[in-house]
Structure formats: C-alpha cells, structure tokens
C-alpha cells in the first residue's frame, strides 16, 4: 500500500469507516498486509475484501491491515460503502 492510499484509508477511518468491531482475541500479523491487535482493541472497519467473505480491511492504533471476521465482534451491521469520484477542478 503506497503512502497516498494509506492516507485515504486513514482519513476514512477517522470518519468511522463502515463500522466498528472489538477484538475477541490477540491477533499477531503473519503477513505484512495483516493487522495486528490485542484482545478488546477497537478496530474501525474500512471494507470487506472482495471475494473473501470473512476478510476485512481495518484500522487500529494507527495501522491499516487485513483481519478475519471470526477474531472480532462487530458493533451492529456494517454500512454499505459509497464510492464517489472527486470532480477535478476545471480551469
């Protein structure tokens, strides 16, 4: 993930993402793209990974990464993501 994409996800997390969840157990990152968290940490859910029914992108303690849904308890239903394109300024 490049710095621009990381910045976008971080800003989206600050706005609440598509929902929140709480870690049910400690989870150690096994791959560079994995999210590491401790039991009872609150994670902001950014998106469900397409084609992976139990894999999500989340934000916790300033880090963005993938996590499995079975390691967390979701706080209600997740919002549907709204994809919008920014309009470029016309000179």
C-alpha atoms as a PDB file:
ATOM      1  CA  UNK A   1       0.000   0.000   0.000  1.00  0.00           C
ATOM      2  CA  UNK A   2       1.521   3.316  -1.035  1.00  0.00           C
ATOM      3  CA  UNK A   3       1.502   6.497   1.072  1.00  0.00           C
ATOM      4  CA  UNK A   4      -1.375   8.104  -0.871  1.00  0.00           C
ATOM      5  CA  UNK A   5      -3.645   5.083  -0.452  1.00  0.00           C
ATOM      6  CA  UNK A   6      -2.674   4.784   3.225  1.00  0.00           C
ATOM      7  CA  UNK A   7      -3.566   8.450   3.742  1.00  0.00           C
ATOM      8  CA  UNK A   8      -7.001   7.926   2.158  1.00  0.00           C
ATOM      9  CA  UNK A   9      -7.754   4.918   4.366  1.00  0.00           C
ATOM     10  CA  UNK A  10      -6.547   6.778   7.470  1.00  0.00           C
ATOM     11  CA  UNK A  11      -8.868   9.724   6.697  1.00  0.00           C
ATOM     12  CA  UNK A  12     -11.757   7.304   6.079  1.00  0.00           C
ATOM     13  CA  UNK A  13     -11.035   5.610   9.421  1.00  0.00           C
ATOM     14  CA  UNK A  14     -11.161   8.997  11.174  1.00  0.00           C
ATOM     15  CA  UNK A  15     -14.706   9.376   9.787  1.00  0.00           C
ATOM     16  CA  UNK A  16     -15.742   5.995  11.215  1.00  0.00           C
ATOM     17  CA  UNK A  17     -15.223   3.754   8.170  1.00  0.00           C
ATOM     18  CA  UNK A  18     -18.135   1.387   7.507  1.00  0.00           C
ATOM     19  CA  UNK A  19     -18.378   0.255  11.123  1.00  0.00           C
ATOM     20  CA  UNK A  20     -16.547  -0.794  14.254  1.00  0.00           C
ATOM     21  CA  UNK A  21     -15.670  -4.041  15.957  1.00  0.00           C
ATOM     22  CA  UNK A  22     -13.913  -5.238  19.100  1.00  0.00           C
ATOM     23  CA  UNK A  23     -11.165  -7.854  19.114  1.00  0.00           C
ATOM     24  CA  UNK A  24     -12.132 -11.106  20.851  1.00  0.00           C
ATOM     25  CA  UNK A  25      -8.531 -12.315  20.993  1.00  0.00           C
ATOM     26  CA  UNK A  26      -4.962 -11.223  20.358  1.00  0.00           C
ATOM     27  CA  UNK A  27      -4.061 -11.428  16.684  1.00  0.00           C
ATOM     28  CA  UNK A  28      -0.431 -11.363  15.571  1.00  0.00           C
ATOM     29  CA  UNK A  29       0.240 -10.272  11.987  1.00  0.00           C
ATOM     30  CA  UNK A  30       1.628 -13.179   9.962  1.00  0.00           C
ATOM     31  CA  UNK A  31       1.964 -11.288   6.660  1.00  0.00           C
ATOM     32  CA  UNK A  32       2.967  -7.656   6.003  1.00  0.00           C
ATOM     33  CA  UNK A  33      -0.623  -6.769   4.975  1.00  0.00           C
ATOM     34  CA  UNK A  34      -2.169  -8.225   8.180  1.00  0.00           C
ATOM     35  CA  UNK A  35      -3.478  -6.070  11.025  1.00  0.00           C
ATOM     36  CA  UNK A  36      -2.100  -6.823  14.487  1.00  0.00           C
ATOM     37  CA  UNK A  37      -4.322  -6.159  17.505  1.00  0.00           C
ATOM     38  CA  UNK A  38      -4.835  -7.181  21.118  1.00  0.00           C
ATOM     39  CA  UNK A  39      -7.966  -8.511  22.817  1.00  0.00           C
ATOM     40  CA  UNK A  40     -10.505  -5.713  23.476  1.00  0.00           C
ATOM     41  CA  UNK A  41      -8.911  -3.303  20.946  1.00  0.00           C
ATOM     42  CA  UNK A  42     -11.463  -1.359  18.914  1.00  0.00           C
ATOM     43  CA  UNK A  43     -10.995  -1.685  15.150  1.00  0.00           C
ATOM     44  CA  UNK A  44     -12.522   0.610  12.548  1.00  0.00           C
ATOM     45  CA  UNK A  45     -13.734  -1.496   9.616  1.00  0.00           C
ATOM     46  CA  UNK A  46     -12.813   0.097   6.275  1.00  0.00           C
ATOM     47  CA  UNK A  47     -14.097  -2.511   3.802  1.00  0.00           C
ATOM     48  CA  UNK A  48     -14.799  -6.174   3.226  1.00  0.00           C
ATOM     49  CA  UNK A  49     -12.164  -7.675   0.932  1.00  0.00           C
ATOM     50  CA  UNK A  50     -13.893  -8.597  -2.374  1.00  0.00           C
ATOM     51  CA  UNK A  51     -14.215 -12.346  -2.911  1.00  0.00           C
ATOM     52  CA  UNK A  52     -13.260 -13.101   0.705  1.00  0.00           C
ATOM     53  CA  UNK A  53     -16.426 -13.447   2.821  1.00  0.00           C
ATOM     54  CA  UNK A  54     -14.650 -13.287   6.209  1.00  0.00           C
ATOM     55  CA  UNK A  55     -11.709 -10.965   5.422  1.00  0.00           C
ATOM     56  CA  UNK A  56     -11.792  -7.232   6.129  1.00  0.00           C
ATOM     57  CA  UNK A  57      -9.555  -4.183   5.884  1.00  0.00           C
ATOM     58  CA  UNK A  58      -9.374  -2.333   9.174  1.00  0.00           C
ATOM     59  CA  UNK A  59      -7.648   0.415  11.135  1.00  0.00           C
ATOM     60  CA  UNK A  60      -6.304   0.009  14.676  1.00  0.00           C
ATOM     61  CA  UNK A  61      -3.764   2.069  16.625  1.00  0.00           C
ATOM     62  CA  UNK A  62      -2.673   3.993  13.524  1.00  0.00           C
ATOM     63  CA  UNK A  63      -2.159   0.898  11.363  1.00  0.00           C
ATOM     64  CA  UNK A  64      -4.179  -0.303   8.334  1.00  0.00           C
ATOM     65  CA  UNK A  65      -4.318  -4.010   7.523  1.00  0.00           C
ATOM     66  CA  UNK A  66      -6.362  -7.149   6.868  1.00  0.00           C
ATOM     67  CA  UNK A  67      -8.117  -9.134   9.589  1.00  0.00           C
ATOM     68  CA  UNK A  68     -10.505 -12.079   9.833  1.00  0.00           C
ATOM     69  CA  UNK A  69     -14.072 -11.556  10.977  1.00  0.00           C
ATOM     70  CA  UNK A  70     -14.012 -14.548  13.323  1.00  0.00           C
ATOM     71  CA  UNK A  71     -11.478 -12.778  15.577  1.00  0.00           C
ATOM     72  CA  UNK A  72     -13.786  -9.828  16.316  1.00  0.00           C
ATOM     73  CA  UNK A  73     -17.304  -8.899  17.456  1.00  0.00           C
ATOM     74  CA  UNK A  74     -18.957  -6.399  15.132  1.00  0.00           C
ATOM     75  CA  UNK A  75     -20.903  -3.493  16.656  1.00  0.00           C
ATOM     76  CA  UNK A  76     -24.050  -3.957  14.596  1.00  0.00           C
ATOM     77  CA  UNK A  77     -24.372  -4.148  10.836  1.00  0.00           C
ATOM     78  CA  UNK A  78     -21.703  -2.683   8.610  1.00  0.00           C
ATOM     79  CA  UNK A  79     -22.642   0.222   6.349  1.00  0.00           C
ATOM     80  CA  UNK A  80     -22.563  -0.261   2.613  1.00  0.00           C
ATOM     81  CA  UNK A  81     -19.569   1.599   1.207  1.00  0.00           C
ATOM     82  CA  UNK A  82     -20.331   4.565  -1.013  1.00  0.00           C
ATOM     83  CA  UNK A  83     -17.849   5.022  -3.817  1.00  0.00           C
ATOM     84  CA  UNK A  84     -17.618   8.506  -5.221  1.00  0.00           C
ATOM     85  CA  UNK A  85     -15.223  10.114  -7.609  1.00  0.00           C
ATOM     86  CA  UNK A  86     -13.939  13.540  -6.860  1.00  0.00           C
ATOM     87  CA  UNK A  87     -14.606  16.052  -9.541  1.00  0.00           C
ATOM     88  CA  UNK A  88     -11.447  17.680 -10.771  1.00  0.00           C
ATOM     89  CA  UNK A  89     -11.255  21.432 -10.818  1.00  0.00           C
ATOM     90  CA  UNK A  90     -11.835  22.908 -14.242  1.00  0.00           C
ATOM     91  CA  UNK A  91      -9.527  25.805 -15.103  1.00  0.00           C
END
